[in-house]
Amino acid sequence: LKIPPGSKSGQRLRLRGRGLPGRPAGDLY
C-alpha cells in the first residue's frame, strides 16, 4: 500500500476488491 506524503492520522485509504469475497467483492478500507 502506498501511503501518500503528507498523510494524516485518521485518513482512510481504499484497497478496491480486497474486502469480503463476492460478486462484487467488497473493499478494504
mmCIF file of all heavy atoms, coordinates in Angstrom:
data_MODEL
# 
_entry.id   MODEL 
# 
loop_
_atom_site.group_PDB 
_atom_site.id 
_atom_site.type_symbol 
_atom_site.label_atom_id 
_atom_site.label_alt_id 
_atom_site.label_comp_id 
_atom_site.label_asym_id 
_atom_site.label_entity_id 
_atom_site.label_seq_id 
_atom_site.pdbx_PDB_ins_code 
_atom_site.Cartn_x 
_atom_site.Cartn_y 
_atom_site.Cartn_z 
_atom_site.occupancy 
_atom_site.B_iso_or_equiv 
_atom_site.pdbx_formal_charge 
_atom_site.auth_seq_id 
_atom_site.auth_comp_id 
_atom_site.auth_asym_id 
_atom_site.auth_atom_id 
_atom_site.pdbx_PDB_model_num 
ATOM 1   N N   . LEU A 1 1  ? 0.859   -1.187  0.000   1.00 0.00 ? 1  LEU A N   1 
ATOM 2   C CA  . LEU A 1 1  ? 0.000   0.000   0.000   1.00 0.00 ? 1  LEU A CA  1 
ATOM 3   C C   . LEU A 1 1  ? 0.888   1.228   0.000   1.00 0.00 ? 1  LEU A C   1 
ATOM 4   O O   . LEU A 1 1  ? 1.801   1.341   0.829   1.00 0.00 ? 1  LEU A O   1 
ATOM 5   C CB  . LEU A 1 1  ? -0.901  0.007   1.243   1.00 0.00 ? 1  LEU A CB  1 
ATOM 6   C CG  . LEU A 1 1  ? -1.742  1.259   1.464   1.00 0.00 ? 1  LEU A CG  1 
ATOM 7   C CD1 . LEU A 1 1  ? -2.807  1.403   0.375   1.00 0.00 ? 1  LEU A CD1 1 
ATOM 8   C CD2 . LEU A 1 1  ? -2.390  1.225   2.835   1.00 0.00 ? 1  LEU A CD2 1 
ATOM 9   N N   . LYS A 1 2  ? 0.614   2.145   -0.925  1.00 0.00 ? 2  LYS A N   1 
ATOM 10  C CA  . LYS A 1 2  ? 1.354   3.405   -0.958  1.00 0.00 ? 2  LYS A CA  1 
ATOM 11  C C   . LYS A 1 2  ? 0.665   4.404   -0.050  1.00 0.00 ? 2  LYS A C   1 
ATOM 12  O O   . LYS A 1 2  ? -0.519  4.701   -0.210  1.00 0.00 ? 2  LYS A O   1 
ATOM 13  C CB  . LYS A 1 2  ? 1.385   3.970   -2.378  1.00 0.00 ? 2  LYS A CB  1 
ATOM 14  C CG  . LYS A 1 2  ? 2.496   3.461   -3.200  1.00 0.00 ? 2  LYS A CG  1 
ATOM 15  C CD  . LYS A 1 2  ? 2.632   4.275   -4.462  1.00 0.00 ? 2  LYS A CD  1 
ATOM 16  C CE  . LYS A 1 2  ? 3.894   3.835   -5.164  1.00 0.00 ? 2  LYS A CE  1 
ATOM 17  N NZ  . LYS A 1 2  ? 4.155   4.595   -6.362  1.00 0.00 ? 2  LYS A NZ  1 
ATOM 18  N N   . ILE A 1 3  ? 1.426   4.896   0.902   1.00 0.00 ? 3  ILE A N   1 
ATOM 19  C CA  . ILE A 1 3  ? 0.938   5.963   1.778   1.00 0.00 ? 3  ILE A CA  1 
ATOM 20  C C   . ILE A 1 3  ? 1.426   7.266   1.165   1.00 0.00 ? 3  ILE A C   1 
ATOM 21  O O   . ILE A 1 3  ? 2.633   7.463   1.006   1.00 0.00 ? 3  ILE A O   1 
ATOM 22  C CB  . ILE A 1 3  ? 1.471   5.787   3.209   1.00 0.00 ? 3  ILE A CB  1 
ATOM 23  C CG1 . ILE A 1 3  ? 0.966   4.469   3.785   1.00 0.00 ? 3  ILE A CG1 1 
ATOM 24  C CG2 . ILE A 1 3  ? 1.060   6.961   4.088   1.00 0.00 ? 3  ILE A CG2 1 
ATOM 25  C CD1 . ILE A 1 3  ? 1.567   4.108   5.119   1.00 0.00 ? 3  ILE A CD1 1 
ATOM 26  N N   . PRO A 1 4  ? 0.506   8.165   0.787   1.00 0.00 ? 4  PRO A N   1 
ATOM 27  C CA  . PRO A 1 4  ? 0.951   9.410   0.150   1.00 0.00 ? 4  PRO A CA  1 
ATOM 28  C C   . PRO A 1 4  ? 1.647   10.344  1.135   1.00 0.00 ? 4  PRO A C   1 
ATOM 29  O O   . PRO A 1 4  ? 1.316   10.354  2.323   1.00 0.00 ? 4  PRO A O   1 
ATOM 30  C CB  . PRO A 1 4  ? -0.343  10.035  -0.370  1.00 0.00 ? 4  PRO A CB  1 
ATOM 31  C CG  . PRO A 1 4  ? -1.462  9.295   0.243   1.00 0.00 ? 4  PRO A CG  1 
ATOM 32  C CD  . PRO A 1 4  ? -0.937  8.035   0.840   1.00 0.00 ? 4  PRO A CD  1 
ATOM 33  N N   . PRO A 1 5  ? 2.618   11.127  0.647   1.00 0.00 ? 5  PRO A N   1 
ATOM 34  C CA  . PRO A 1 5  ? 3.264   12.122  1.519   1.00 0.00 ? 5  PRO A CA  1 
ATOM 35  C C   . PRO A 1 5  ? 2.226   13.079  2.100   1.00 0.00 ? 5  PRO A C   1 
ATOM 36  O O   . PRO A 1 5  ? 1.248   13.429  1.436   1.00 0.00 ? 5  PRO A O   1 
ATOM 37  C CB  . PRO A 1 5  ? 4.217   12.863  0.584   1.00 0.00 ? 5  PRO A CB  1 
ATOM 38  C CG  . PRO A 1 5  ? 4.412   11.954  -0.583  1.00 0.00 ? 5  PRO A CG  1 
ATOM 39  C CD  . PRO A 1 5  ? 3.147   11.150  -0.706  1.00 0.00 ? 5  PRO A CD  1 
ATOM 40  N N   . GLY A 1 6  ? 2.422   13.477  3.340   1.00 0.00 ? 6  GLY A N   1 
ATOM 41  C CA  . GLY A 1 6  ? 1.503   14.410  3.989   1.00 0.00 ? 6  GLY A CA  1 
ATOM 42  C C   . GLY A 1 6  ? 0.244   13.757  4.520   1.00 0.00 ? 6  GLY A C   1 
ATOM 43  O O   . GLY A 1 6  ? -0.726  14.448  4.828   1.00 0.00 ? 6  GLY A O   1 
ATOM 44  N N   . SER A 1 7  ? 0.237   12.440  4.658   1.00 0.00 ? 7  SER A N   1 
ATOM 45  C CA  . SER A 1 7  ? -0.938  11.746  5.192   1.00 0.00 ? 7  SER A CA  1 
ATOM 46  C C   . SER A 1 7  ? -1.152  12.123  6.649   1.00 0.00 ? 7  SER A C   1 
ATOM 47  O O   . SER A 1 7  ? -0.222  12.479  7.361   1.00 0.00 ? 7  SER A O   1 
ATOM 48  C CB  . SER A 1 7  ? -0.755  10.230  5.067   1.00 0.00 ? 7  SER A CB  1 
ATOM 49  O OG  . SER A 1 7  ? -0.769  9.841   3.720   1.00 0.00 ? 7  SER A OG  1 
ATOM 50  N N   . LYS A 1 8  ? -2.404  12.029  7.074   1.00 0.00 ? 8  LYS A N   1 
ATOM 51  C CA  . LYS A 1 8  ? -2.771  12.405  8.435   1.00 0.00 ? 8  LYS A CA  1 
ATOM 52  C C   . LYS A 1 8  ? -3.368  11.213  9.163   1.00 0.00 ? 8  LYS A C   1 
ATOM 53  O O   . LYS A 1 8  ? -3.933  10.317  8.544   1.00 0.00 ? 8  LYS A O   1 
ATOM 54  C CB  . LYS A 1 8  ? -3.779  13.540  8.396   1.00 0.00 ? 8  LYS A CB  1 
ATOM 55  C CG  . LYS A 1 8  ? -3.207  14.809  7.785   1.00 0.00 ? 8  LYS A CG  1 
ATOM 56  C CD  . LYS A 1 8  ? -4.217  15.918  7.787   1.00 0.00 ? 8  LYS A CD  1 
ATOM 57  C CE  . LYS A 1 8  ? -3.729  17.223  7.250   1.00 0.00 ? 8  LYS A CE  1 
ATOM 58  N NZ  . LYS A 1 8  ? -2.535  17.269  6.477   1.00 0.00 ? 8  LYS A NZ  1 
ATOM 59  N N   . SER A 1 9  ? -3.278  11.236  10.467  1.00 0.00 ? 9  SER A N   1 
ATOM 60  C CA  . SER A 1 9  ? -3.897  10.203  11.281  1.00 0.00 ? 9  SER A CA  1 
ATOM 61  C C   . SER A 1 9  ? -5.408  10.244  11.070  1.00 0.00 ? 9  SER A C   1 
ATOM 62  O O   . SER A 1 9  ? -6.010  11.317  11.028  1.00 0.00 ? 9  SER A O   1 
ATOM 63  C CB  . SER A 1 9  ? -3.560  10.441  12.760  1.00 0.00 ? 9  SER A CB  1 
ATOM 64  O OG  . SER A 1 9  ? -3.808  9.296   13.504  1.00 0.00 ? 9  SER A OG  1 
ATOM 65  N N   . GLY A 1 10 ? -6.010  9.085   10.900  1.00 0.00 ? 10 GLY A N   1 
ATOM 66  C CA  . GLY A 1 10 ? -7.446  9.011   10.650  1.00 0.00 ? 10 GLY A CA  1 
ATOM 67  C C   . GLY A 1 10 ? -7.791  8.969   9.173   1.00 0.00 ? 10 GLY A C   1 
ATOM 68  O O   . GLY A 1 10 ? -8.927  8.654   8.811   1.00 0.00 ? 10 GLY A O   1 
ATOM 69  N N   . GLN A 1 11 ? -6.842  9.270   8.313   1.00 0.00 ? 11 GLN A N   1 
ATOM 70  C CA  . GLN A 1 11 ? -7.085  9.251   6.871   1.00 0.00 ? 11 GLN A CA  1 
ATOM 71  C C   . GLN A 1 11 ? -7.393  7.824   6.432   1.00 0.00 ? 11 GLN A C   1 
ATOM 72  O O   . GLN A 1 11 ? -6.787  6.875   6.899   1.00 0.00 ? 11 GLN A O   1 
ATOM 73  C CB  . GLN A 1 11 ? -5.856  9.778   6.146   1.00 0.00 ? 11 GLN A CB  1 
ATOM 74  C CG  . GLN A 1 11 ? -6.007  9.902   4.660   1.00 0.00 ? 11 GLN A CG  1 
ATOM 75  C CD  . GLN A 1 11 ? -4.801  10.612  4.046   1.00 0.00 ? 11 GLN A CD  1 
ATOM 76  O OE1 . GLN A 1 11 ? -4.084  11.339  4.722   1.00 0.00 ? 11 GLN A OE1 1 
ATOM 77  N NE2 . GLN A 1 11 ? -4.588  10.388  2.778   1.00 0.00 ? 11 GLN A NE2 1 
ATOM 78  N N   . ARG A 1 12 ? -8.375  7.690   5.509   1.00 0.00 ? 12 ARG A N   1 
ATOM 79  C CA  . ARG A 1 12 ? -8.758  6.367   5.004   1.00 0.00 ? 12 ARG A CA  1 
ATOM 80  C C   . ARG A 1 12 ? -8.254  6.185   3.583   1.00 0.00 ? 12 ARG A C   1 
ATOM 81  O O   . ARG A 1 12 ? -8.430  7.061   2.739   1.00 0.00 ? 12 ARG A O   1 
ATOM 82  C CB  . ARG A 1 12 ? -10.274 6.199   5.010   1.00 0.00 ? 12 ARG A CB  1 
ATOM 83  C CG  . ARG A 1 12 ? -10.826 5.859   6.337   1.00 0.00 ? 12 ARG A CG  1 
ATOM 84  C CD  . ARG A 1 12 ? -12.317 5.624   6.388   1.00 0.00 ? 12 ARG A CD  1 
ATOM 85  N NE  . ARG A 1 12 ? -13.003 5.454   5.147   1.00 0.00 ? 12 ARG A NE  1 
ATOM 86  C CZ  . ARG A 1 12 ? -14.091 4.720   4.994   1.00 0.00 ? 12 ARG A CZ  1 
ATOM 87  N NH1 . ARG A 1 12 ? -14.615 4.100   6.018   1.00 0.00 ? 12 ARG A NH1 1 
ATOM 88  N NH2 . ARG A 1 12 ? -14.684 4.619   3.839   1.00 0.00 ? 12 ARG A NH2 1 
ATOM 89  N N   . LEU A 1 13 ? -7.660  5.022   3.339   1.00 0.00 ? 13 LEU A N   1 
ATOM 90  C CA  . LEU A 1 13 ? -7.217  4.638   2.005   1.00 0.00 ? 13 LEU A CA  1 
ATOM 91  C C   . LEU A 1 13 ? -7.988  3.380   1.613   1.00 0.00 ? 13 LEU A C   1 
ATOM 92  O O   . LEU A 1 13 ? -8.235  2.516   2.459   1.00 0.00 ? 13 LEU A O   1 
ATOM 93  C CB  . LEU A 1 13 ? -5.713  4.371   1.989   1.00 0.00 ? 13 LEU A CB  1 
ATOM 94  C CG  . LEU A 1 13 ? -4.824  5.520   2.467   1.00 0.00 ? 13 LEU A CG  1 
ATOM 95  C CD1 . LEU A 1 13 ? -3.378  5.074   2.547   1.00 0.00 ? 13 LEU A CD1 1 
ATOM 96  C CD2 . LEU A 1 13 ? -4.960  6.725   1.558   1.00 0.00 ? 13 LEU A CD2 1 
ATOM 97  N N   . ARG A 1 14 ? -8.363  3.273   0.342   1.00 0.00 ? 14 ARG A N   1 
ATOM 98  C CA  . ARG A 1 14 ? -9.185  2.143   -0.099  1.00 0.00 ? 14 ARG A CA  1 
ATOM 99  C C   . ARG A 1 14 ? -8.381  1.184   -0.962  1.00 0.00 ? 14 ARG A C   1 
ATOM 100 O O   . ARG A 1 14 ? -7.690  1.603   -1.885  1.00 0.00 ? 14 ARG A O   1 
ATOM 101 C CB  . ARG A 1 14 ? -10.381 2.642   -0.899  1.00 0.00 ? 14 ARG A CB  1 
ATOM 102 C CG  . ARG A 1 14 ? -11.298 1.515   -1.341  1.00 0.00 ? 14 ARG A CG  1 
ATOM 103 C CD  . ARG A 1 14 ? -12.541 2.037   -1.956  1.00 0.00 ? 14 ARG A CD  1 
ATOM 104 N NE  . ARG A 1 14 ? -12.281 2.393   -3.345  1.00 0.00 ? 14 ARG A NE  1 
ATOM 105 C CZ  . ARG A 1 14 ? -13.225 2.705   -4.217  1.00 0.00 ? 14 ARG A CZ  1 
ATOM 106 N NH1 . ARG A 1 14 ? -14.484 2.758   -3.841  1.00 0.00 ? 14 ARG A NH1 1 
ATOM 107 N NH2 . ARG A 1 14 ? -12.908 2.997   -5.448  1.00 0.00 ? 14 ARG A NH2 1 
ATOM 108 N N   . LEU A 1 15 ? -8.512  -0.085  -0.639  1.00 0.00 ? 15 LEU A N   1 
ATOM 109 C CA  . LEU A 1 15 ? -7.985  -1.147  -1.478  1.00 0.00 ? 15 LEU A CA  1 
ATOM 110 C C   . LEU A 1 15 ? -9.194  -1.826  -2.121  1.00 0.00 ? 15 LEU A C   1 
ATOM 111 O O   . LEU A 1 15 ? -9.891  -2.629  -1.495  1.00 0.00 ? 15 LEU A O   1 
ATOM 112 C CB  . LEU A 1 15 ? -7.160  -2.144  -0.656  1.00 0.00 ? 15 LEU A CB  1 
ATOM 113 C CG  . LEU A 1 15 ? -5.848  -1.600  -0.093  1.00 0.00 ? 15 LEU A CG  1 
ATOM 114 C CD1 . LEU A 1 15 ? -5.238  -2.574  0.900   1.00 0.00 ? 15 LEU A CD1 1 
ATOM 115 C CD2 . LEU A 1 15 ? -4.882  -1.317  -1.222  1.00 0.00 ? 15 LEU A CD2 1 
ATOM 116 N N   . ARG A 1 16 ? -9.449  -1.471  -3.362  1.00 0.00 ? 16 ARG A N   1 
ATOM 117 C CA  . ARG A 1 16 ? -10.638 -1.946  -4.074  1.00 0.00 ? 16 ARG A CA  1 
ATOM 118 C C   . ARG A 1 16 ? -10.591 -3.464  -4.261  1.00 0.00 ? 16 ARG A C   1 
ATOM 119 O O   . ARG A 1 16 ? -9.581  -4.028  -4.662  1.00 0.00 ? 16 ARG A O   1 
ATOM 120 C CB  . ARG A 1 16 ? -10.721 -1.273  -5.437  1.00 0.00 ? 16 ARG A CB  1 
ATOM 121 C CG  . ARG A 1 16 ? -12.005 -1.561  -6.180  1.00 0.00 ? 16 ARG A CG  1 
ATOM 122 C CD  . ARG A 1 16 ? -11.983 -0.944  -7.553  1.00 0.00 ? 16 ARG A CD  1 
ATOM 123 N NE  . ARG A 1 16 ? -11.790 0.491   -7.489  1.00 0.00 ? 16 ARG A NE  1 
ATOM 124 C CZ  . ARG A 1 16 ? -12.744 1.398   -7.699  1.00 0.00 ? 16 ARG A CZ  1 
ATOM 125 N NH1 . ARG A 1 16 ? -13.954 0.998   -8.025  1.00 0.00 ? 16 ARG A NH1 1 
ATOM 126 N NH2 . ARG A 1 16 ? -12.479 2.672   -7.630  1.00 0.00 ? 16 ARG A NH2 1 
ATOM 127 N N   . GLY A 1 17 ? -11.702 -4.113  -3.926  1.00 0.00 ? 17 GLY A N   1 
ATOM 128 C CA  . GLY A 1 17 ? -11.834 -5.542  -4.133  1.00 0.00 ? 17 GLY A CA  1 
ATOM 129 C C   . GLY A 1 17 ? -11.085 -6.409  -3.147  1.00 0.00 ? 17 GLY A C   1 
ATOM 130 O O   . GLY A 1 17 ? -11.023 -7.620  -3.319  1.00 0.00 ? 17 GLY A O   1 
ATOM 131 N N   . ARG A 1 18 ? -10.522 -5.808  -2.089  1.00 0.00 ? 18 ARG A N   1 
ATOM 132 C CA  . ARG A 1 18 ? -9.749  -6.578  -1.110  1.00 0.00 ? 18 ARG A CA  1 
ATOM 133 C C   . ARG A 1 18 ? -10.530 -6.847  0.171   1.00 0.00 ? 18 ARG A C   1 
ATOM 134 O O   . ARG A 1 18 ? -9.972  -7.301  1.161   1.00 0.00 ? 18 ARG A O   1 
ATOM 135 C CB  . ARG A 1 18 ? -8.454  -5.848  -0.760  1.00 0.00 ? 18 ARG A CB  1 
ATOM 136 C CG  . ARG A 1 18 ? -7.502  -5.710  -1.903  1.00 0.00 ? 18 ARG A CG  1 
ATOM 137 C CD  . ARG A 1 18 ? -6.976  -7.060  -2.295  1.00 0.00 ? 18 ARG A CD  1 
ATOM 138 N NE  . ARG A 1 18 ? -5.973  -6.938  -3.347  1.00 0.00 ? 18 ARG A NE  1 
ATOM 139 C CZ  . ARG A 1 18 ? -5.079  -7.858  -3.588  1.00 0.00 ? 18 ARG A CZ  1 
ATOM 140 N NH1 . ARG A 1 18 ? -5.054  -8.963  -2.883  1.00 0.00 ? 18 ARG A NH1 1 
ATOM 141 N NH2 . ARG A 1 18 ? -4.217  -7.693  -4.562  1.00 0.00 ? 18 ARG A NH2 1 
ATOM 142 N N   . GLY A 1 19 ? -11.848 -6.601  0.139   1.00 0.00 ? 19 GLY A N   1 
ATOM 143 C CA  . GLY A 1 19 ? -12.690 -6.887  1.297   1.00 0.00 ? 19 GLY A CA  1 
ATOM 144 C C   . GLY A 1 19 ? -13.213 -8.304  1.242   1.00 0.00 ? 19 GLY A C   1 
ATOM 145 O O   . GLY A 1 19 ? -12.516 -9.222  0.797   1.00 0.00 ? 19 GLY A O   1 
ATOM 146 N N   . LEU A 1 20 ? -14.462 -8.504  1.648   1.00 0.00 ? 20 LEU A N   1 
ATOM 147 C CA  . LEU A 1 20 ? -15.042 -9.837  1.623   1.00 0.00 ? 20 LEU A CA  1 
ATOM 148 C C   . LEU A 1 20 ? -15.277 -10.280 0.184   1.00 0.00 ? 20 LEU A C   1 
ATOM 149 O O   . LEU A 1 20 ? -15.679 -9.477  -0.662  1.00 0.00 ? 20 LEU A O   1 
ATOM 150 C CB  . LEU A 1 20 ? -16.359 -9.850  2.409   1.00 0.00 ? 20 LEU A CB  1 
ATOM 151 C CG  . LEU A 1 20 ? -16.216 -9.607  3.911   1.00 0.00 ? 20 LEU A CG  1 
ATOM 152 C CD1 . LEU A 1 20 ? -17.585 -9.537  4.564   1.00 0.00 ? 20 LEU A CD1 1 
ATOM 153 C CD2 . LEU A 1 20 ? -15.381 -10.702 4.556   1.00 0.00 ? 20 LEU A CD2 1 
ATOM 154 N N   . PRO A 1 21 ? -15.023 -11.560 -0.106  1.00 0.00 ? 21 PRO A N   1 
ATOM 155 C CA  . PRO A 1 21 ? -15.230 -12.046 -1.469  1.00 0.00 ? 21 PRO A CA  1 
ATOM 156 C C   . PRO A 1 21 ? -16.705 -12.050 -1.823  1.00 0.00 ? 21 PRO A C   1 
ATOM 157 O O   . PRO A 1 21 ? -17.579 -12.110 -0.956  1.00 0.00 ? 21 PRO A O   1 
ATOM 158 C CB  . PRO A 1 21 ? -14.656 -13.463 -1.428  1.00 0.00 ? 21 PRO A CB  1 
ATOM 159 C CG  . PRO A 1 21 ? -14.586 -13.842 0.002   1.00 0.00 ? 21 PRO A CG  1 
ATOM 160 C CD  . PRO A 1 21 ? -14.528 -12.578 0.795   1.00 0.00 ? 21 PRO A CD  1 
ATOM 161 N N   . GLY A 1 22 ? -16.984 -11.987 -3.093  1.00 0.00 ? 22 GLY A N   1 
ATOM 162 C CA  . GLY A 1 22 ? -18.356 -11.991 -3.578  1.00 0.00 ? 22 GLY A CA  1 
ATOM 163 C C   . GLY A 1 22 ? -18.423 -11.339 -4.932  1.00 0.00 ? 22 GLY A C   1 
ATOM 164 O O   . GLY A 1 22 ? -17.404 -11.001 -5.539  1.00 0.00 ? 22 GLY A O   1 
ATOM 165 N N   . ARG A 1 23 ? -19.612 -11.168 -5.426  1.00 0.00 ? 23 ARG A N   1 
ATOM 166 C CA  . ARG A 1 23 ? -19.830 -10.511 -6.715  1.00 0.00 ? 23 ARG A CA  1 
ATOM 167 C C   . ARG A 1 23 ? -20.759 -9.339  -6.494  1.00 0.00 ? 23 ARG A C   1 
ATOM 168 O O   . ARG A 1 23 ? -21.961 -9.547  -6.373  1.00 0.00 ? 23 ARG A O   1 
ATOM 169 C CB  . ARG A 1 23 ? -20.435 -11.485 -7.717  1.00 0.00 ? 23 ARG A CB  1 
ATOM 170 C CG  . ARG A 1 23 ? -19.477 -12.582 -8.059  1.00 0.00 ? 23 ARG A CG  1 
ATOM 171 C CD  . ARG A 1 23 ? -20.015 -13.392 -9.202  1.00 0.00 ? 23 ARG A CD  1 
ATOM 172 N NE  . ARG A 1 23 ? -19.188 -14.557 -9.394  1.00 0.00 ? 23 ARG A NE  1 
ATOM 173 C CZ  . ARG A 1 23 ? -18.290 -14.663 -10.362 1.00 0.00 ? 23 ARG A CZ  1 
ATOM 174 N NH1 . ARG A 1 23 ? -18.136 -13.693 -11.216 1.00 0.00 ? 23 ARG A NH1 1 
ATOM 175 N NH2 . ARG A 1 23 ? -17.581 -15.751 -10.470 1.00 0.00 ? 23 ARG A NH2 1 
ATOM 176 N N   . PRO A 1 24 ? -20.256 -8.140  -6.373  1.00 0.00 ? 24 PRO A N   1 
ATOM 177 C CA  . PRO A 1 24 ? -18.849 -7.775  -6.433  1.00 0.00 ? 24 PRO A CA  1 
ATOM 178 C C   . PRO A 1 24 ? -18.169 -7.978  -5.071  1.00 0.00 ? 24 PRO A C   1 
ATOM 179 O O   . PRO A 1 24 ? -18.828 -8.012  -4.025  1.00 0.00 ? 24 PRO A O   1 
ATOM 180 C CB  . PRO A 1 24 ? -18.881 -6.293  -6.786  1.00 0.00 ? 24 PRO A CB  1 
ATOM 181 C CG  . PRO A 1 24 ? -20.133 -5.796  -6.148  1.00 0.00 ? 24 PRO A CG  1 
ATOM 182 C CD  . PRO A 1 24 ? -21.119 -6.952  -6.249  1.00 0.00 ? 24 PRO A CD  1 
ATOM 183 N N   . ALA A 1 25 ? -16.856 -8.072  -5.116  1.00 0.00 ? 25 ALA A N   1 
ATOM 184 C CA  . ALA A 1 25 ? -16.087 -8.179  -3.875  1.00 0.00 ? 25 ALA A CA  1 
ATOM 185 C C   . ALA A 1 25 ? -16.132 -6.843  -3.133  1.00 0.00 ? 25 ALA A C   1 
ATOM 186 O O   . ALA A 1 25 ? -16.237 -5.784  -3.753  1.00 0.00 ? 25 ALA A O   1 
ATOM 187 C CB  . ALA A 1 25 ? -14.639 -8.556  -4.180  1.00 0.00 ? 25 ALA A CB  1 
ATOM 188 N N   . GLY A 1 26 ? -16.051 -6.906  -1.828  1.00 0.00 ? 26 GLY A N   1 
ATOM 189 C CA  . GLY A 1 26 ? -16.027 -5.680  -1.027  1.00 0.00 ? 26 GLY A CA  1 
ATOM 190 C C   . GLY A 1 26 ? -14.646 -5.033  -1.071  1.00 0.00 ? 26 GLY A C   1 
ATOM 191 O O   . GLY A 1 26 ? -13.690 -5.583  -1.628  1.00 0.00 ? 26 GLY A O   1 
ATOM 192 N N   . ASP A 1 27 ? -14.545 -3.860  -0.497  1.00 0.00 ? 27 ASP A N   1 
ATOM 193 C CA  . ASP A 1 27 ? -13.290 -3.124  -0.435  1.00 0.00 ? 27 ASP A CA  1 
ATOM 194 C C   . ASP A 1 27 ? -12.708 -3.216  0.969   1.00 0.00 ? 27 ASP A C   1 
ATOM 195 O O   . ASP A 1 27 ? -13.432 -3.449  1.937   1.00 0.00 ? 27 ASP A O   1 
ATOM 196 C CB  . ASP A 1 27 ? -13.503 -1.647  -0.792  1.00 0.00 ? 27 ASP A CB  1 
ATOM 197 C CG  . ASP A 1 27 ? -14.014 -1.459  -2.215  1.00 0.00 ? 27 ASP A CG  1 
ATOM 198 O OD1 . ASP A 1 27 ? -13.686 -2.295  -3.083  1.00 0.00 ? 27 ASP A OD1 1 
ATOM 199 O OD2 . ASP A 1 27 ? -14.740 -0.481  -2.455  1.00 0.00 ? 27 ASP A OD2 1 
ATOM 200 N N   . LEU A 1 28 ? -11.412 -3.025  1.057   1.00 0.00 ? 28 LEU A N   1 
ATOM 201 C CA  . LEU A 1 28 ? -10.737 -2.942  2.351   1.00 0.00 ? 28 LEU A CA  1 
ATOM 202 C C   . LEU A 1 28 ? -10.374 -1.488  2.570   1.00 0.00 ? 28 LEU A C   1 
ATOM 203 O O   . LEU A 1 28 ? -9.658  -0.891  1.760   1.00 0.00 ? 28 LEU A O   1 
ATOM 204 C CB  . LEU A 1 28 ? -9.476  -3.817  2.369   1.00 0.00 ? 28 LEU A CB  1 
ATOM 205 C CG  . LEU A 1 28 ? -8.585  -3.705  3.605   1.00 0.00 ? 28 LEU A CG  1 
ATOM 206 C CD1 . LEU A 1 28 ? -9.335  -4.097  4.876   1.00 0.00 ? 28 LEU A CD1 1 
ATOM 207 C CD2 . LEU A 1 28 ? -7.351  -4.581  3.440   1.00 0.00 ? 28 LEU A CD2 1 
ATOM 208 N N   . TYR A 1 29 ? -10.905 -0.893  3.630   1.00 0.00 ? 29 TYR A N   1 
ATOM 209 C CA  . TYR A 1 29 ? -10.598 0.486   3.979   1.00 0.00 ? 29 TYR A CA  1 
ATOM 210 C C   . TYR A 1 29 ? -9.559  0.495   5.085   1.00 0.00 ? 29 TYR A C   1 
ATOM 211 O O   . TYR A 1 29 ? -9.771  -0.085  6.150   1.00 0.00 ? 29 TYR A O   1 
ATOM 212 C CB  . TYR A 1 29 ? -11.858 1.229   4.426   1.00 0.00 ? 29 TYR A CB  1 
ATOM 213 C CG  . TYR A 1 29 ? -12.805 1.484   3.287   1.00 0.00 ? 29 TYR A CG  1 
ATOM 214 C CD1 . TYR A 1 29 ? -13.850 0.611   3.011   1.00 0.00 ? 29 TYR A CD1 1 
ATOM 215 C CD2 . TYR A 1 29 ? -12.626 2.582   2.456   1.00 0.00 ? 29 TYR A CD2 1 
ATOM 216 C CE1 . TYR A 1 29 ? -14.712 0.833   1.948   1.00 0.00 ? 29 TYR A CE1 1 
ATOM 217 C CE2 . TYR A 1 29 ? -13.484 2.818   1.395   1.00 0.00 ? 29 TYR A CE2 1 
ATOM 218 C CZ  . TYR A 1 29 ? -14.519 1.929   1.151   1.00 0.00 ? 29 TYR A CZ  1 
ATOM 219 O OH  . TYR A 1 29 ? -15.349 2.161   0.091   1.00 0.00 ? 29 TYR A OH  1 
# 
